[in-house]
Amino acid sequence: MEPMRKITRLSIAIGGFLIVTSLILTGTVLLAVIGIINVEIFADQVSASLLPFVFLTLGILDFAAGVILLRR
């Protein structure tokens, strides 16, 4: 039964990553549709290079949390 627990924990970690990512993307789209943020802010050079870095950092942190969850 031990391998099943690890698979379950891994699926929880992956699910958490997908939920967080989808919440960020949904929130960004909602704010753009309402007009609170301007979509053109993602077009300049600084934002275009910063956005993937933010998602990469989020992914690394979520992966680390998943590893900790697997070890506990």
PDB file of N, CA and C in Angstrom:
ATOM      1  N   MET A   1       0.815  -1.189   0.000  1.00  0.00           N
ATOM      2  CA  MET A   1       0.000   0.000   0.000  1.00  0.00           C
ATOM      3  C   MET A   1       0.865   1.261   0.000  1.00  0.00           C
ATOM      4  N   GLU A   2       2.122   1.126   0.341  1.00  0.00           N
ATOM      5  CA  GLU A   2       3.028   2.277   0.367  1.00  0.00           C
ATOM      6  C   GLU A   2       3.188   2.943  -1.007  1.00  0.00           C
ATOM      7  N   PRO A   3       3.364   2.181  -2.117  1.00  0.00           N
ATOM      8  CA  PRO A   3       3.473   2.856  -3.408  1.00  0.00           C
ATOM      9  C   PRO A   3       2.205   3.632  -3.789  1.00  0.00           C
ATOM     10  N   MET A   4       1.053   3.150  -3.355  1.00  0.00           N
ATOM     11  CA  MET A   4      -0.176   3.854  -3.680  1.00  0.00           C
ATOM     12  C   MET A   4      -0.236   5.205  -2.977  1.00  0.00           C
ATOM     13  N   ARG A   5       0.283   5.281  -1.773  1.00  0.00           N
ATOM     14  CA  ARG A   5       0.303   6.549  -1.054  1.00  0.00           C
ATOM     15  C   ARG A   5       1.198   7.558  -1.753  1.00  0.00           C
ATOM     16  N   LYS A   6       2.333   7.119  -2.268  1.00  0.00           N
ATOM     17  CA  LYS A   6       3.226   8.037  -2.969  1.00  0.00           C
ATOM     18  C   LYS A   6       2.588   8.551  -4.251  1.00  0.00           C
ATOM     19  N   ILE A   7       1.905   7.682  -4.953  1.00  0.00           N
ATOM     20  CA  ILE A   7       1.222   8.113  -6.171  1.00  0.00           C
ATOM     21  C   ILE A   7       0.110   9.105  -5.832  1.00  0.00           C
ATOM     22  N   THR A   8      -0.595   8.864  -4.753  1.00  0.00           N
ATOM     23  CA  THR A   8      -1.650   9.775  -4.332  1.00  0.00           C
ATOM     24  C   THR A   8      -1.077  11.126  -3.965  1.00  0.00           C
ATOM     25  N   ARG A   9       0.014  11.135  -3.224  1.00  0.00           N
ATOM     26  CA  ARG A   9       0.640  12.398  -2.845  1.00  0.00           C
ATOM     27  C   ARG A   9       1.175  13.140  -4.059  1.00  0.00           C
ATOM     28  N   LEU A  10       1.743  12.406  -4.990  1.00  0.00           N
ATOM     29  CA  LEU A  10       2.236  13.035  -6.214  1.00  0.00           C
ATOM     30  C   LEU A  10       1.096  13.655  -7.005  1.00  0.00           C
ATOM     31  N   SER A  11      -0.019  12.966  -7.073  1.00  0.00           N
ATOM     32  CA  SER A  11      -1.166  13.522  -7.807  1.00  0.00           C
ATOM     33  C   SER A  11      -1.727  14.753  -7.104  1.00  0.00           C
ATOM     34  N   ILE A  12      -1.679  14.776  -5.785  1.00  0.00           N
ATOM     35  CA  ILE A  12      -2.125  15.962  -5.056  1.00  0.00           C
ATOM     36  C   ILE A  12      -1.204  17.144  -5.352  1.00  0.00           C
ATOM     37  N   ALA A  13       0.096  16.902  -5.392  1.00  0.00           N
ATOM     38  CA  ALA A  13       1.049  17.973  -5.685  1.00  0.00           C
ATOM     39  C   ALA A  13       0.864  18.514  -7.101  1.00  0.00           C
ATOM     40  N   ILE A  14       0.685  17.628  -8.051  1.00  0.00           N
ATOM     41  CA  ILE A  14       0.467  18.066  -9.436  1.00  0.00           C
ATOM     42  C   ILE A  14      -0.856  18.805  -9.556  1.00  0.00           C
ATOM     43  N   GLY A  15      -1.878  18.306  -8.876  1.00  0.00           N
ATOM     44  CA  GLY A  15      -3.174  18.990  -8.889  1.00  0.00           C
ATOM     45  C   GLY A  15      -3.095  20.374  -8.279  1.00  0.00           C
ATOM     46  N   GLY A  16      -2.335  20.507  -7.211  1.00  0.00           N
ATOM     47  CA  GLY A  16      -2.158  21.826  -6.591  1.00  0.00           C
ATOM     48  C   GLY A  16      -1.475  22.797  -7.532  1.00  0.00           C
ATOM     49  N   PHE A  17      -0.468  22.315  -8.253  1.00  0.00           N
ATOM     50  CA  PHE A  17       0.211  23.176  -9.214  1.00  0.00           C
ATOM     51  C   PHE A  17      -0.749  23.630 -10.316  1.00  0.00           C
ATOM     52  N   LEU A  18      -1.546  22.713 -10.809  1.00  0.00           N
ATOM     53  CA  LEU A  18      -2.492  23.072 -11.867  1.00  0.00           C
ATOM     54  C   LEU A  18      -3.548  24.048 -11.377  1.00  0.00           C
ATOM     55  N   ILE A  19      -3.995  23.878 -10.142  1.00  0.00           N
ATOM     56  CA  ILE A  19      -4.996  24.787  -9.584  1.00  0.00           C
ATOM     57  C   ILE A  19      -4.426  26.190  -9.437  1.00  0.00           C
ATOM     58  N   VAL A  20      -3.220  26.299  -8.895  1.00  0.00           N
ATOM     59  CA  VAL A  20      -2.607  27.616  -8.704  1.00  0.00           C
ATOM     60  C   VAL A  20      -2.370  28.304 -10.048  1.00  0.00           C
ATOM     61  N   THR A  21      -1.853  27.571 -10.996  1.00  0.00           N
ATOM     62  CA  THR A  21      -1.603  28.145 -12.310  1.00  0.00           C
ATOM     63  C   THR A  21      -2.884  28.586 -12.992  1.00  0.00           C
ATOM     64  N   SER A  22      -3.915  27.777 -12.900  1.00  0.00           N
ATOM     65  CA  SER A  22      -5.177  28.155 -13.541  1.00  0.00           C
ATOM     66  C   SER A  22      -5.824  29.340 -12.844  1.00  0.00           C
ATOM     67  N   LEU A  23      -5.673  29.445 -11.530  1.00  0.00           N
ATOM     68  CA  LEU A  23      -6.208  30.609 -10.828  1.00  0.00           C
ATOM     69  C   LEU A  23      -5.509  31.896 -11.256  1.00  0.00           C
ATOM     70  N   ILE A  24      -4.204  31.832 -11.423  1.00  0.00           N
ATOM     71  CA  ILE A  24      -3.466  33.011 -11.869  1.00  0.00           C
ATOM     72  C   ILE A  24      -3.881  33.409 -13.278  1.00  0.00           C
ATOM     73  N   LEU A  25      -3.955  32.432 -14.175  1.00  0.00           N
ATOM     74  CA  LEU A  25      -4.343  32.748 -15.554  1.00  0.00           C
ATOM     75  C   LEU A  25      -5.787  33.232 -15.640  1.00  0.00           C
ATOM     76  N   THR A  26      -6.690  32.604 -14.895  1.00  0.00           N
ATOM     77  CA  THR A  26      -8.086  33.023 -14.907  1.00  0.00           C
ATOM     78  C   THR A  26      -8.237  34.429 -14.327  1.00  0.00           C
ATOM     79  N   GLY A  27      -7.513  34.701 -13.249  1.00  0.00           N
ATOM     80  CA  GLY A  27      -7.567  36.040 -12.653  1.00  0.00           C
ATOM     81  C   GLY A  27      -7.039  37.103 -13.594  1.00  0.00           C
ATOM     82  N   THR A  28      -5.968  36.793 -14.311  1.00  0.00           N
ATOM     83  CA  THR A  28      -5.412  37.744 -15.266  1.00  0.00           C
ATOM     84  C   THR A  28      -6.390  38.019 -16.405  1.00  0.00           C
ATOM     85  N   VAL A  29      -6.993  36.976 -16.927  1.00  0.00           N
ATOM     86  CA  VAL A  29      -7.970  37.150 -18.012  1.00  0.00           C
ATOM     87  C   VAL A  29      -9.185  37.929 -17.515  1.00  0.00           C
ATOM     88  N   LEU A  30      -9.664  37.616 -16.322  1.00  0.00           N
ATOM     89  CA  LEU A  30     -10.818  38.334 -15.767  1.00  0.00           C
ATOM     90  C   LEU A  30     -10.508  39.813 -15.578  1.00  0.00           C
ATOM     91  N   LEU A  31      -9.345  40.129 -15.039  1.00  0.00           N
ATOM     92  CA  LEU A  31      -8.968  41.532 -14.867  1.00  0.00           C
ATOM     93  C   LEU A  31      -8.817  42.245 -16.208  1.00  0.00           C
ATOM     94  N   ALA A  32      -8.362  41.533 -17.229  1.00  0.00           N
ATOM     95  CA  ALA A  32      -8.243  42.129 -18.563  1.00  0.00           C
ATOM     96  C   ALA A  32      -9.611  42.361 -19.187  1.00  0.00           C
ATOM     97  N   VAL A  33     -10.542  41.421 -18.988  1.00  0.00           N
ATOM     98  CA  VAL A  33     -11.884  41.568 -19.559  1.00  0.00           C
ATOM     99  C   VAL A  33     -12.640  42.713 -18.881  1.00  0.00           C
ATOM    100  N   ILE A  34     -12.519  42.813 -17.561  1.00  0.00           N
ATOM    101  CA  ILE A  34     -13.200  43.884 -16.828  1.00  0.00           C
ATOM    102  C   ILE A  34     -12.598  45.245 -17.167  1.00  0.00           C
ATOM    103  N   GLY A  35     -11.327  45.245 -17.519  1.00  0.00           N
ATOM    104  CA  GLY A  35     -10.671  46.492 -17.890  1.00  0.00           C
ATOM    105  C   GLY A  35      -9.825  47.069 -16.767  1.00  0.00           C
ATOM    106  N   ILE A  36      -9.599  46.309 -15.729  1.00  0.00           N
ATOM    107  CA  ILE A  36      -8.788  46.796 -14.616  1.00  0.00           C
ATOM    108  C   ILE A  36      -7.314  46.856 -15.017  1.00  0.00           C
ATOM    109  N   ILE A  37      -6.861  45.874 -15.773  1.00  0.00           N
ATOM    110  CA  ILE A  37      -5.489  45.912 -16.277  1.00  0.00           C
ATOM    111  C   ILE A  37      -5.509  46.039 -17.786  1.00  0.00           C
ATOM    112  N   ASN A  38      -4.485  46.622 -18.306  1.00  0.00           N
ATOM    113  CA  ASN A  38      -4.348  46.787 -19.738  1.00  0.00           C
ATOM    114  C   ASN A  38      -3.533  45.615 -20.279  1.00  0.00           C
ATOM    115  N   VAL A  39      -4.033  44.979 -21.305  1.00  0.00           N
ATOM    116  CA  VAL A  39      -3.369  43.813 -21.868  1.00  0.00           C
ATOM    117  C   VAL A  39      -2.031  44.195 -22.494  1.00  0.00           C
ATOM    118  N   GLU A  40      -1.873  45.415 -22.885  1.00  0.00           N
ATOM    119  CA  GLU A  40      -0.632  45.856 -23.523  1.00  0.00           C
ATOM    120  C   GLU A  40       0.556  45.872 -22.567  1.00  0.00           C
ATOM    121  N   ILE A  41       0.300  45.777 -21.257  1.00  0.00           N
ATOM    122  CA  ILE A  41       1.430  45.770 -20.323  1.00  0.00           C
ATOM    123  C   ILE A  41       2.254  44.501 -20.464  1.00  0.00           C
ATOM    124  N   PHE A  42       1.658  43.449 -21.005  1.00  0.00           N
ATOM    125  CA  PHE A  42       2.395  42.209 -21.208  1.00  0.00           C
ATOM    126  C   PHE A  42       3.180  42.225 -22.511  1.00  0.00           C
ATOM    127  N   ALA A  43       3.050  43.288 -23.295  1.00  0.00           N
ATOM    128  CA  ALA A  43       3.703  43.339 -24.590  1.00  0.00           C
ATOM    129  C   ALA A  43       5.093  43.969 -24.528  1.00  0.00           C
ATOM    130  N   ASP A  44       5.388  44.767 -23.481  1.00  0.00           N
ATOM    131  CA  ASP A  44       6.711  45.385 -23.445  1.00  0.00           C
ATOM    132  C   ASP A  44       7.777  44.357 -23.066  1.00  0.00           C
ATOM    133  N   GLN A  45       9.007  44.713 -23.268  1.00  0.00           N
ATOM    134  CA  GLN A  45      10.118  43.772 -23.121  1.00  0.00           C
ATOM    135  C   GLN A  45      10.296  43.300 -21.681  1.00  0.00           C
ATOM    136  N   VAL A  46      10.157  44.190 -20.721  1.00  0.00           N
ATOM    137  CA  VAL A  46      10.384  43.822 -19.321  1.00  0.00           C
ATOM    138  C   VAL A  46       9.310  42.845 -18.845  1.00  0.00           C
ATOM    139  N   SER A  47       8.053  43.134 -19.133  1.00  0.00           N
ATOM    140  CA  SER A  47       6.974  42.253 -18.701  1.00  0.00           C
ATOM    141  C   SER A  47       7.014  40.913 -19.428  1.00  0.00           C
ATOM    142  N   ALA A  48       7.379  40.946 -20.681  1.00  0.00           N
ATOM    143  CA  ALA A  48       7.436  39.707 -21.455  1.00  0.00           C
ATOM    144  C   ALA A  48       8.520  38.772 -20.932  1.00  0.00           C
ATOM    145  N   SER A  49       9.597  39.323 -20.406  1.00  0.00           N
ATOM    146  CA  SER A  49      10.643  38.463 -19.856  1.00  0.00           C
ATOM    147  C   SER A  49      10.401  38.148 -18.379  1.00  0.00           C
ATOM    148  N   LEU A  50       9.651  38.985 -17.682  1.00  0.00           N
ATOM    149  CA  LEU A  50       9.397  38.770 -16.262  1.00  0.00           C
ATOM    150  C   LEU A  50       8.304  37.728 -16.031  1.00  0.00           C
ATOM    151  N   LEU A  51       7.313  37.687 -16.896  1.00  0.00           N
ATOM    152  CA  LEU A  51       6.195  36.762 -16.726  1.00  0.00           C
ATOM    153  C   LEU A  51       6.620  35.290 -16.728  1.00  0.00           C
ATOM    154  N   PRO A  52       7.452  34.839 -17.664  1.00  0.00           N
ATOM    155  CA  PRO A  52       7.914  33.444 -17.583  1.00  0.00           C
ATOM    156  C   PRO A  52       8.749  33.169 -16.328  1.00  0.00           C
ATOM    157  N   PHE A  53       9.517  34.159 -15.878  1.00  0.00           N
ATOM    158  CA  PHE A  53      10.297  33.994 -14.656  1.00  0.00           C
ATOM    159  C   PHE A  53       9.391  33.799 -13.446  1.00  0.00           C
ATOM    160  N   VAL A  54       8.295  34.541 -13.403  1.00  0.00           N
ATOM    161  CA  VAL A  54       7.338  34.395 -12.300  1.00  0.00           C
ATOM    162  C   VAL A  54       6.721  33.002 -12.321  1.00  0.00           C
ATOM    163  N   PHE A  55       6.312  32.529 -13.482  1.00  0.00           N
ATOM    164  CA  PHE A  55       5.735  31.193 -13.578  1.00  0.00           C
ATOM    165  C   PHE A  55       6.767  30.110 -13.264  1.00  0.00           C
ATOM    166  N   LEU A  56       8.011  30.314 -13.665  1.00  0.00           N
ATOM    167  CA  LEU A  56       9.059  29.351 -13.350  1.00  0.00           C
ATOM    168  C   LEU A  56       9.301  29.297 -11.844  1.00  0.00           C
ATOM    169  N   THR A  57       9.355  30.457 -11.203  1.00  0.00           N
ATOM    170  CA  THR A  57       9.534  30.502  -9.758  1.00  0.00           C
ATOM    171  C   THR A  57       8.374  29.830  -9.042  1.00  0.00           C
ATOM    172  N   LEU A  58       7.178  30.094  -9.504  1.00  0.00           N
ATOM    173  CA  LEU A  58       6.001  29.453  -8.920  1.00  0.00           C
ATOM    174  C   LEU A  58       6.062  27.938  -9.091  1.00  0.00           C
ATOM    175  N   GLY A  59       6.484  27.495 -10.249  1.00  0.00           N
ATOM    176  CA  GLY A  59       6.600  26.060 -10.492  1.00  0.00           C
ATOM    177  C   GLY A  59       7.657  25.400  -9.625  1.00  0.00           C
ATOM    178  N   ILE A  60       8.790  26.076  -9.437  1.00  0.00           N
ATOM    179  CA  ILE A  60       9.850  25.523  -8.590  1.00  0.00           C
ATOM    180  C   ILE A  60       9.388  25.439  -7.146  1.00  0.00           C
ATOM    181  N   LEU A  61       8.730  26.475  -6.660  1.00  0.00           N
ATOM    182  CA  LEU A  61       8.227  26.451  -5.291  1.00  0.00           C
ATOM    183  C   LEU A  61       7.169  25.367  -5.101  1.00  0.00           C
ATOM    184  N   ASP A  62       6.307  25.220  -6.081  1.00  0.00           N
ATOM    185  CA  ASP A  62       5.275  24.192  -5.974  1.00  0.00           C
ATOM    186  C   ASP A  62       5.885  22.792  -6.059  1.00  0.00           C
ATOM    187  N   PHE A  63       6.911  22.644  -6.875  1.00  0.00           N
ATOM    188  CA  PHE A  63       7.599  21.360  -6.958  1.00  0.00           C
ATOM    189  C   PHE A  63       8.272  21.018  -5.634  1.00  0.00           C
ATOM    190  N   ALA A  64       8.891  22.019  -5.027  1.00  0.00           N
ATOM    191  CA  ALA A  64       9.528  21.794  -3.725  1.00  0.00           C
ATOM    192  C   ALA A  64       8.488  21.393  -2.684  1.00  0.00           C
ATOM    193  N   ALA A  65       7.329  22.027  -2.719  1.00  0.00           N
ATOM    194  CA  ALA A  65       6.261  21.658  -1.790  1.00  0.00           C
ATOM    195  C   ALA A  65       5.792  20.223  -2.058  1.00  0.00           C
ATOM    196  N   GLY A  66       5.741  19.840  -3.317  1.00  0.00           N
ATOM    197  CA  GLY A  66       5.352  18.467  -3.651  1.00  0.00           C
ATOM    198  C   GLY A  66       6.361  17.443  -3.172  1.00  0.00           C
ATOM    199  N   VAL A  67       7.646  17.791  -3.270  1.00  0.00           N
ATOM    200  CA  VAL A  67       8.690  16.887  -2.793  1.00  0.00           C
ATOM    201  C   VAL A  67       8.588  16.731  -1.278  1.00  0.00           C
ATOM    202  N   ILE A  68       8.352  17.840  -0.593  1.00  0.00           N
ATOM    203  CA  ILE A  68       8.183  17.774   0.859  1.00  0.00           C
ATOM    204  C   ILE A  68       6.959  16.934   1.212  1.00  0.00           C
ATOM    205  N   LEU A  69       5.902  17.103   0.459  1.00  0.00           N
ATOM    206  CA  LEU A  69       4.688  16.311   0.710  1.00  0.00           C
ATOM    207  C   LEU A  69       4.958  14.824   0.484  1.00  0.00           C
ATOM    208  N   LEU A  70       5.756  14.490  -0.510  1.00  0.00           N
ATOM    209  CA  LEU A  70       6.079  13.091  -0.772  1.00  0.00           C
ATOM    210  C   LEU A  70       6.947  12.486   0.338  1.00  0.00           C
ATOM    211  N   ARG A  71       7.788  13.280   0.928  1.00  0.00           N
ATOM    212  CA  ARG A  71       8.710  12.776   1.954  1.00  0.00           C
ATOM    213  C   ARG A  71       8.045  12.618   3.310  1.00  0.00           C
ATOM    214  N   ARG A  72       6.965  13.296   3.544  1.00  0.00           N
ATOM    215  CA  ARG A  72       6.306  13.254   4.853  1.00  0.00           C
ATOM    216  C   ARG A  72       5.352  12.109   4.942  1.00  0.00           C
TER     217      ARG A  72
END
